[in-house]
Amino acid sequence: MSRTTLRLVATLGVLVALALSGPAAAQTAWFGNWFQDALPPANAKPLSEIIRALEESGYRQITEVEFEDGEWEIEARRAGGEEVGLRVDPVSGEVTED
């Protein structure tokens, strides 16, 4: 093989290695731990248990549930029909904002 061919093969090998490692490195560099906060912590209560506790407390018609900023954001109605937005701690299940 000629010297030019060896350089070309080496360059292509480096480019392939960069292409394969790029997406993972780019995700970490650009997003950091962005998506890590999108899920409840490992020691969180099951969502079904949290919803059951809210229903037992008198909340009805749970219409939306979203995990954001480390808490469950839940839209529901009180027994009288009033719509409320709740923030619930995922570990304790306590309503932190009503």
N, C-alpha and C. Protein backbone atom coordinates (compact mmCIF):
# COMPACT_ATOMS: atom_id res chain seq x y z
N MET A 1 0.84 -1.18 0.00
CA MET A 1 0.00 0.00 0.00
C MET A 1 0.89 1.24 0.00
N SER A 2 0.41 2.21 -0.70
CA SER A 2 1.18 3.45 -0.75
C SER A 2 0.93 4.28 0.51
N ARG A 3 1.78 5.22 0.73
CA ARG A 3 1.68 6.08 1.90
C ARG A 3 0.38 6.89 1.89
N THR A 4 -0.04 7.33 0.73
CA THR A 4 -1.27 8.09 0.58
C THR A 4 -2.48 7.24 0.93
N THR A 5 -2.47 6.00 0.51
CA THR A 5 -3.57 5.08 0.83
C THR A 5 -3.65 4.83 2.33
N LEU A 6 -2.51 4.65 2.98
CA LEU A 6 -2.50 4.44 4.43
C LEU A 6 -3.06 5.65 5.18
N ARG A 7 -2.68 6.84 4.72
CA ARG A 7 -3.22 8.06 5.35
C ARG A 7 -4.73 8.15 5.16
N LEU A 8 -5.17 7.81 3.97
CA LEU A 8 -6.60 7.85 3.69
C LEU A 8 -7.36 6.86 4.58
N VAL A 9 -6.86 5.65 4.72
CA VAL A 9 -7.49 4.63 5.56
C VAL A 9 -7.49 5.08 7.02
N ALA A 10 -6.38 5.63 7.49
CA ALA A 10 -6.30 6.11 8.87
C ALA A 10 -7.28 7.25 9.11
N THR A 11 -7.37 8.17 8.16
CA THR A 11 -8.30 9.30 8.29
C THR A 11 -9.74 8.81 8.32
N LEU A 12 -10.07 7.88 7.44
CA LEU A 12 -11.43 7.33 7.44
C LEU A 12 -11.74 6.61 8.74
N GLY A 13 -10.76 5.88 9.29
CA GLY A 13 -10.96 5.20 10.57
C GLY A 13 -11.25 6.19 11.69
N VAL A 14 -10.53 7.30 11.71
CA VAL A 14 -10.76 8.34 12.74
C VAL A 14 -12.15 8.95 12.55
N LEU A 15 -12.53 9.23 11.31
CA LEU A 15 -13.85 9.82 11.05
C LEU A 15 -14.98 8.88 11.46
N VAL A 16 -14.84 7.60 11.19
CA VAL A 16 -15.86 6.63 11.59
C VAL A 16 -15.95 6.56 13.12
N ALA A 17 -14.82 6.55 13.79
CA ALA A 17 -14.82 6.51 15.26
C ALA A 17 -15.49 7.75 15.84
N LEU A 18 -15.21 8.92 15.26
CA LEU A 18 -15.85 10.14 15.73
C LEU A 18 -17.35 10.13 15.46
N ALA A 19 -17.74 9.63 14.30
CA ALA A 19 -19.17 9.56 13.97
C ALA A 19 -19.93 8.66 14.92
N LEU A 20 -19.30 7.55 15.32
CA LEU A 20 -19.97 6.62 16.22
C LEU A 20 -20.03 7.13 17.66
N SER A 21 -19.05 7.89 18.07
CA SER A 21 -19.05 8.38 19.45
C SER A 21 -19.70 9.75 19.57
N GLY A 22 -19.89 10.42 18.49
CA GLY A 22 -20.43 11.78 18.50
C GLY A 22 -21.79 11.95 19.14
N PRO A 23 -22.79 11.14 18.78
CA PRO A 23 -24.12 11.35 19.35
C PRO A 23 -24.16 11.28 20.87
N ALA A 24 -23.49 10.32 21.46
CA ALA A 24 -23.50 10.21 22.92
C ALA A 24 -22.78 11.39 23.55
N ALA A 25 -21.63 11.75 22.99
CA ALA A 25 -20.88 12.89 23.53
C ALA A 25 -21.65 14.18 23.34
N ALA A 26 -22.29 14.34 22.19
CA ALA A 26 -23.05 15.56 21.93
C ALA A 26 -24.23 15.67 22.88
N GLN A 27 -24.90 14.56 23.13
CA GLN A 27 -26.05 14.60 24.04
C GLN A 27 -25.62 15.06 25.43
N THR A 28 -24.52 14.53 25.93
CA THR A 28 -24.04 14.92 27.25
C THR A 28 -23.59 16.37 27.24
N ALA A 29 -22.88 16.77 26.21
CA ALA A 29 -22.37 18.14 26.14
C ALA A 29 -23.48 19.16 25.99
N TRP A 30 -24.45 18.86 25.17
CA TRP A 30 -25.50 19.84 24.89
C TRP A 30 -26.61 19.82 25.93
N PHE A 31 -26.99 18.65 26.39
CA PHE A 31 -28.14 18.53 27.27
C PHE A 31 -27.77 18.28 28.72
N GLY A 32 -26.54 17.80 28.99
CA GLY A 32 -26.13 17.52 30.36
C GLY A 32 -27.09 16.54 31.00
N ASN A 33 -27.64 16.90 32.15
CA ASN A 33 -28.60 16.05 32.88
C ASN A 33 -30.03 16.51 32.64
N TRP A 34 -30.27 17.12 31.51
CA TRP A 34 -31.58 17.69 31.20
C TRP A 34 -32.71 16.68 31.41
N PHE A 35 -32.56 15.48 30.88
CA PHE A 35 -33.63 14.49 30.93
C PHE A 35 -33.66 13.70 32.22
N GLN A 36 -32.65 13.86 33.05
CA GLN A 36 -32.61 13.12 34.32
C GLN A 36 -33.74 13.58 35.24
N ASP A 37 -34.12 14.87 35.16
CA ASP A 37 -35.19 15.40 36.00
C ASP A 37 -36.58 15.10 35.45
N ALA A 38 -36.66 14.45 34.29
CA ALA A 38 -37.94 14.15 33.68
C ALA A 38 -38.60 12.93 34.29
N LEU A 39 -37.88 12.21 35.13
CA LEU A 39 -38.42 11.01 35.77
C LEU A 39 -38.38 11.16 37.28
N PRO A 40 -39.37 10.57 37.96
CA PRO A 40 -39.35 10.60 39.42
C PRO A 40 -38.12 9.85 39.96
N PRO A 41 -37.68 10.18 41.17
CA PRO A 41 -36.53 9.48 41.74
C PRO A 41 -36.85 8.01 41.98
N ALA A 42 -35.80 7.21 42.15
CA ALA A 42 -35.96 5.77 42.32
C ALA A 42 -36.77 5.41 43.56
N ASN A 43 -36.73 6.25 44.59
CA ASN A 43 -37.46 5.96 45.84
C ASN A 43 -38.85 6.59 45.87
N ALA A 44 -39.35 7.02 44.72
CA ALA A 44 -40.68 7.63 44.66
C ALA A 44 -41.78 6.60 44.85
N LYS A 45 -42.90 7.07 45.39
CA LYS A 45 -44.08 6.20 45.50
C LYS A 45 -44.64 5.99 44.09
N PRO A 46 -45.28 4.86 43.86
CA PRO A 46 -45.92 4.66 42.55
C PRO A 46 -46.99 5.72 42.31
N LEU A 47 -47.11 6.17 41.08
CA LEU A 47 -48.10 7.19 40.74
C LEU A 47 -49.50 6.73 41.09
N SER A 48 -49.79 5.45 40.90
CA SER A 48 -51.13 4.94 41.22
C SER A 48 -51.46 5.12 42.71
N GLU A 49 -50.46 4.98 43.57
CA GLU A 49 -50.65 5.17 45.00
C GLU A 49 -50.92 6.64 45.33
N ILE A 50 -50.21 7.53 44.65
CA ILE A 50 -50.42 8.97 44.86
C ILE A 50 -51.81 9.38 44.41
N ILE A 51 -52.24 8.89 43.25
CA ILE A 51 -53.57 9.24 42.75
C ILE A 51 -54.66 8.67 43.66
N ARG A 52 -54.47 7.45 44.13
CA ARG A 52 -55.44 6.85 45.04
C ARG A 52 -55.57 7.70 46.31
N ALA A 53 -54.45 8.17 46.86
CA ALA A 53 -54.48 9.01 48.06
C ALA A 53 -55.19 10.33 47.79
N LEU A 54 -54.99 10.91 46.61
CA LEU A 54 -55.69 12.15 46.27
C LEU A 54 -57.19 11.91 46.17
N GLU A 55 -57.58 10.81 45.55
CA GLU A 55 -59.01 10.50 45.44
C GLU A 55 -59.63 10.26 46.81
N GLU A 56 -58.89 9.62 47.70
CA GLU A 56 -59.39 9.39 49.06
C GLU A 56 -59.49 10.70 49.85
N SER A 57 -58.72 11.71 49.43
CA SER A 57 -58.77 13.02 50.08
C SER A 57 -59.88 13.90 49.51
N GLY A 58 -60.61 13.41 48.52
CA GLY A 58 -61.74 14.15 47.99
C GLY A 58 -61.54 14.74 46.60
N TYR A 59 -60.37 14.57 46.02
CA TYR A 59 -60.16 15.08 44.66
C TYR A 59 -60.77 14.11 43.66
N ARG A 60 -61.39 14.66 42.62
CA ARG A 60 -62.06 13.86 41.60
C ARG A 60 -61.61 14.31 40.22
N GLN A 61 -61.94 13.56 39.23
CA GLN A 61 -61.68 13.89 37.83
C GLN A 61 -60.25 14.40 37.63
N ILE A 62 -59.30 13.56 37.85
CA ILE A 62 -57.92 13.92 37.60
C ILE A 62 -57.73 13.94 36.09
N THR A 63 -57.44 15.13 35.56
CA THR A 63 -57.43 15.32 34.11
C THR A 63 -56.04 15.39 33.50
N GLU A 64 -55.03 15.71 34.30
CA GLU A 64 -53.68 15.81 33.74
C GLU A 64 -52.65 15.51 34.82
N VAL A 65 -51.63 14.78 34.43
CA VAL A 65 -50.53 14.44 35.33
C VAL A 65 -49.23 14.63 34.56
N GLU A 66 -48.31 15.37 35.17
CA GLU A 66 -47.02 15.63 34.53
C GLU A 66 -45.94 15.71 35.60
N PHE A 67 -44.79 15.16 35.33
CA PHE A 67 -43.67 15.26 36.27
C PHE A 67 -42.75 16.37 35.80
N GLU A 68 -42.62 17.41 36.64
CA GLU A 68 -41.81 18.56 36.26
C GLU A 68 -41.20 19.20 37.49
N ASP A 69 -39.95 19.63 37.35
CA ASP A 69 -39.22 20.30 38.43
C ASP A 69 -39.20 19.48 39.72
N GLY A 70 -39.11 18.16 39.58
CA GLY A 70 -38.98 17.29 40.75
C GLY A 70 -40.26 16.99 41.48
N GLU A 71 -41.41 17.39 40.93
CA GLU A 71 -42.71 17.12 41.58
C GLU A 71 -43.73 16.72 40.53
N TRP A 72 -44.77 16.02 41.00
CA TRP A 72 -45.91 15.72 40.14
C TRP A 72 -46.78 16.97 40.08
N GLU A 73 -47.14 17.39 38.88
CA GLU A 73 -48.11 18.46 38.68
C GLU A 73 -49.39 17.78 38.23
N ILE A 74 -50.44 17.97 39.02
CA ILE A 74 -51.68 17.24 38.78
C ILE A 74 -52.84 18.23 38.72
N GLU A 75 -53.65 18.13 37.68
CA GLU A 75 -54.87 18.92 37.58
C GLU A 75 -56.03 18.01 37.94
N ALA A 76 -56.87 18.51 38.84
CA ALA A 76 -58.00 17.70 39.31
C ALA A 76 -59.14 18.64 39.69
N ARG A 77 -60.22 18.04 40.14
CA ARG A 77 -61.37 18.82 40.65
C ARG A 77 -61.66 18.38 42.07
N ARG A 78 -62.06 19.33 42.86
CA ARG A 78 -62.53 19.00 44.22
C ARG A 78 -63.91 18.38 44.10
N ALA A 79 -64.40 17.82 45.18
CA ALA A 79 -65.72 17.17 45.17
C ALA A 79 -66.81 18.13 44.70
N GLY A 80 -66.66 19.43 44.99
CA GLY A 80 -67.66 20.42 44.58
C GLY A 80 -67.54 20.87 43.14
N GLY A 81 -66.51 20.41 42.42
CA GLY A 81 -66.36 20.73 41.01
C GLY A 81 -65.31 21.78 40.72
N GLU A 82 -64.73 22.41 41.74
CA GLU A 82 -63.71 23.44 41.54
C GLU A 82 -62.43 22.81 40.98
N GLU A 83 -61.92 23.39 39.91
CA GLU A 83 -60.69 22.88 39.30
C GLU A 83 -59.49 23.41 40.07
N VAL A 84 -58.53 22.52 40.37
CA VAL A 84 -57.33 22.91 41.12
C VAL A 84 -56.09 22.31 40.47
N GLY A 85 -54.98 23.01 40.67
CA GLY A 85 -53.69 22.51 40.25
C GLY A 85 -52.91 22.10 41.48
N LEU A 86 -52.43 20.89 41.50
CA LEU A 86 -51.71 20.37 42.67
C LEU A 86 -50.26 20.09 42.31
N ARG A 87 -49.38 20.27 43.28
CA ARG A 87 -47.99 19.83 43.17
C ARG A 87 -47.79 18.83 44.29
N VAL A 88 -47.31 17.65 43.91
CA VAL A 88 -47.21 16.55 44.88
C VAL A 88 -45.77 16.05 44.92
N ASP A 89 -45.22 15.93 46.14
CA ASP A 89 -43.89 15.38 46.33
C ASP A 89 -43.91 13.91 45.95
N PRO A 90 -43.03 13.45 45.05
CA PRO A 90 -43.08 12.07 44.58
C PRO A 90 -42.65 11.03 45.63
N VAL A 91 -41.87 11.44 46.61
CA VAL A 91 -41.38 10.50 47.61
C VAL A 91 -42.37 10.37 48.77
N SER A 92 -42.82 11.49 49.31
CA SER A 92 -43.73 11.45 50.46
C SER A 92 -45.19 11.35 50.05
N GLY A 93 -45.52 11.83 48.84
CA GLY A 93 -46.92 11.84 48.40
C GLY A 93 -47.68 13.03 48.95
N GLU A 94 -47.02 13.93 49.65
CA GLU A 94 -47.69 15.09 50.25
C GLU A 94 -47.95 16.15 49.18
N VAL A 95 -49.12 16.79 49.28
CA VAL A 95 -49.45 17.90 48.39
C VAL A 95 -48.66 19.11 48.90
N THR A 96 -47.80 19.66 48.03
CA THR A 96 -46.97 20.79 48.45
C THR A 96 -47.57 22.12 48.01
N GLU A 97 -48.49 22.07 47.08
CA GLU A 97 -49.14 23.30 46.61
C GLU A 97 -50.54 22.94 46.15
N ASP A 98 -51.49 23.76 46.54
CA ASP A 98 -52.90 23.52 46.19
C ASP A 98 -53.46 24.76 45.55
